[in-house]
C-alpha cells in the first residue's frame, strides 16, 4: 500500500542585513519572489523596511545603528517558524545566549560583521548574509537565501555587486 503524503513546496526566505539606509535595486531584485524576508539589523531608516515590505512579509531586528523613535519598537531578537524550522534572528552573533539547539532553533541569522558566512555548529545552521549597504573596506556587497523544506534548511549567500 502506498501513501501519498502531501509535502509543502520549499519556502524561500530572503536574508539581508546592514543596509545602512541604502536600498540597492540589486537587493530588491535579488529578494523578488521570496516568501518572506529576514533583516538582521542596521536598517538606519524606516523607508528601507517600507521598500522591503513591498516584496514579502518581514521579520526584522534592531541593529546597533538603528536609533531613534522609529527603531525603539524593533526587537533585538526575533524568532519565526518556517515549515518545521525555527529561525532565530539577531544583529550581533554575540547576542545569542545559551545553546540554540536546546531552544529548538535550527537556524540563526545574524549581521553586524558585514562578512558573509554559512557554518553549521552542533546541528544549528548559522548564516550571516553580509552587508547589502554601502561597501565597507574590501568586503563584498551581498545577501542570502534560506531554503526550508520540512525540517531541513540550507542557505546560500550571493554577491549583489562584483
Protein backbone atom coordinates (compact mmCIF):
# COMPACT_ATOMS: atom_id res chain seq x y z
CA UNK A 1 0.00 0.00 0.00
CA UNK A 2 1.35 3.40 -0.90
CA UNK A 3 0.51 6.65 0.78
CA UNK A 4 0.55 9.95 -0.92
CA UNK A 5 1.77 12.20 1.87
CA UNK A 6 1.41 15.80 0.88
CA UNK A 7 4.55 17.83 1.20
CA UNK A 8 4.76 21.59 1.19
CA UNK A 9 6.83 23.24 -1.50
CA UNK A 10 10.14 24.66 -0.28
CA UNK A 11 9.96 28.10 1.35
CA UNK A 12 12.35 30.73 0.00
CA UNK A 13 13.41 33.20 2.70
CA UNK A 14 15.46 36.26 1.74
CA UNK A 15 18.25 37.17 4.14
CA UNK A 16 19.61 40.68 4.26
CA UNK A 17 21.48 42.85 6.75
CA UNK A 18 23.42 46.04 7.26
CA UNK A 19 21.76 48.11 4.55
CA UNK A 20 22.67 51.34 6.38
CA UNK A 21 19.94 53.36 4.67
CA UNK A 22 20.90 52.18 1.16
CA UNK A 23 18.21 50.35 -0.80
CA UNK A 24 20.05 48.91 -3.76
CA UNK A 25 17.95 47.97 -6.80
CA UNK A 26 20.10 44.81 -6.98
CA UNK A 27 18.95 43.85 -3.49
CA UNK A 28 15.28 44.36 -4.32
CA UNK A 29 15.67 42.29 -7.50
CA UNK A 30 17.51 39.55 -5.58
CA UNK A 31 14.73 39.30 -2.98
CA UNK A 32 11.88 39.34 -5.51
CA UNK A 33 9.84 36.17 -5.30
CA UNK A 34 10.78 35.35 -1.70
CA UNK A 35 8.06 34.02 0.59
CA UNK A 36 9.43 36.13 3.47
CA UNK A 37 12.39 38.40 4.22
CA UNK A 38 14.59 38.43 7.32
CA UNK A 39 16.53 41.65 8.02
CA UNK A 40 19.26 41.23 10.63
CA UNK A 41 19.56 44.89 11.57
CA UNK A 42 21.35 48.16 10.80
CA UNK A 43 18.47 49.42 8.73
CA UNK A 44 19.04 53.08 9.69
CA UNK A 45 15.81 54.41 8.15
CA UNK A 46 12.25 53.07 8.18
CA UNK A 47 11.96 53.73 4.42
CA UNK A 48 14.27 50.71 3.96
CA UNK A 49 11.66 48.50 5.63
CA UNK A 50 8.89 50.06 3.55
CA UNK A 51 10.76 49.09 0.36
CA UNK A 52 11.31 45.52 1.55
CA UNK A 53 7.71 45.13 2.74
CA UNK A 54 6.57 45.67 -0.87
CA UNK A 55 8.23 42.32 -1.70
CA UNK A 56 7.30 39.96 1.16
CA UNK A 57 6.43 39.81 4.86
CA UNK A 58 9.30 40.99 7.06
CA UNK A 59 10.96 39.79 10.24
CA UNK A 60 13.33 42.49 11.47
CA UNK A 61 15.67 43.09 14.41
CA UNK A 62 17.26 46.31 15.60
CA UNK A 63 20.97 46.76 14.93
CA UNK A 64 23.45 48.91 16.82
CA UNK A 65 22.98 51.74 14.27
CA UNK A 66 19.17 51.66 14.44
CA UNK A 67 18.35 54.55 16.75
CA UNK A 68 15.52 56.98 17.27
CA UNK A 69 11.81 56.65 17.87
CA UNK A 70 11.16 54.59 14.73
CA UNK A 71 13.67 51.92 15.85
CA UNK A 72 12.63 51.73 19.51
CA UNK A 73 9.84 49.27 18.77
CA UNK A 74 12.12 46.88 16.86
CA UNK A 75 13.14 43.82 18.88
CA UNK A 76 16.77 42.83 19.43
CA UNK A 77 15.87 39.14 18.98
CA UNK A 78 13.14 37.61 16.84
CA UNK A 79 12.07 34.09 16.04
CA UNK A 80 9.96 32.76 13.23
CA UNK A 81 8.84 29.30 12.26
CA UNK A 82 9.06 28.28 8.63
CA UNK A 83 7.60 24.86 7.97
CA UNK A 84 9.31 22.74 10.67
CA UNK A 85 12.34 25.01 11.20
CA UNK A 86 12.60 27.70 13.89
CA UNK A 87 14.81 30.64 12.94
CA UNK A 88 16.41 33.00 15.45
CA UNK A 89 17.35 36.46 14.19
CA UNK A 90 19.84 38.73 15.99
CA UNK A 91 22.01 41.55 14.78
CA UNK A 92 25.24 40.57 16.53
CA UNK A 93 26.07 36.88 16.87
CA UNK A 94 27.46 37.70 20.34
CA UNK A 95 23.84 38.29 21.42
CA UNK A 96 22.95 34.61 21.01
CA UNK A 97 22.58 33.26 24.52
CA UNK A 98 22.72 29.65 25.59
CA UNK A 99 22.53 26.72 23.22
CA UNK A 100 20.21 27.49 20.29
CA UNK A 101 19.70 23.78 19.60
CA UNK A 102 18.37 23.19 23.14
CA UNK A 103 15.90 26.03 22.48
CA UNK A 104 14.66 24.25 19.35
CA UNK A 105 16.40 26.67 17.00
CA UNK A 106 17.51 25.21 13.67
CA UNK A 107 18.88 28.37 12.02
CA UNK A 108 20.48 31.53 13.44
CA UNK A 109 20.60 34.58 11.16
CA UNK A 110 22.85 37.48 12.16
CA UNK A 111 24.53 40.50 10.63
CA UNK A 112 26.80 43.19 12.12
CA UNK A 113 30.20 41.97 10.86
CA UNK A 114 29.43 42.69 7.18
CA UNK A 115 31.19 39.36 6.47
CA UNK A 116 29.05 36.75 4.74
CA UNK A 117 29.29 33.28 6.23
CA UNK A 118 27.46 29.98 6.46
CA UNK A 119 28.52 27.47 9.10
CA UNK A 120 26.94 24.60 10.96
CA UNK A 121 27.67 24.03 14.64
CA UNK A 122 26.02 21.45 16.81
CA UNK A 123 23.24 20.83 14.32
CA UNK A 124 22.38 24.55 14.01
CA UNK A 125 22.90 26.45 10.75
CA UNK A 126 24.43 29.91 11.30
CA UNK A 127 24.02 32.38 8.43
CA UNK A 128 25.32 35.91 8.04
CA UNK A 129 24.23 37.32 4.68
CA UNK A 130 26.90 40.04 4.87
CA UNK A 131 26.08 43.64 4.03
CA UNK A 132 23.77 44.88 1.29
CA UNK A 133 24.55 48.52 2.11
CA UNK A 134 27.50 50.78 1.37
CA UNK A 135 30.67 48.85 0.65
CA UNK A 136 32.94 48.66 3.69
CA UNK A 137 36.65 48.11 3.19
CA UNK A 138 37.03 45.28 0.68
CA UNK A 139 34.08 43.28 1.96
CA UNK A 140 31.52 42.14 -0.61
CA UNK A 141 28.03 43.55 -1.08
CA UNK A 142 25.84 40.50 -0.54
CA UNK A 143 22.55 38.95 0.56
CA UNK A 144 21.36 35.40 1.07
CA UNK A 145 18.59 32.90 0.53
CA UNK A 146 17.46 30.31 3.05
CA UNK A 147 15.54 27.38 1.57
CA UNK A 148 13.37 25.46 4.02
CA UNK A 149 11.77 22.16 3.15
CA UNK A 150 10.04 20.43 6.02
CA UNK A 151 12.60 20.12 8.82
CA UNK A 152 15.59 20.80 6.53
CA UNK A 153 17.18 24.15 5.77
CA UNK A 154 20.10 25.17 3.62
CA UNK A 155 21.45 28.58 2.76
CA UNK A 156 23.47 30.38 0.17
CA UNK A 157 24.97 33.86 0.05
CA UNK A 158 25.37 35.67 -3.26
CA UNK A 159 27.21 38.79 -4.35
CA UNK A 160 24.92 41.63 -5.33
CA UNK A 161 27.76 43.59 -6.93
CA UNK A 162 31.10 42.47 -8.33
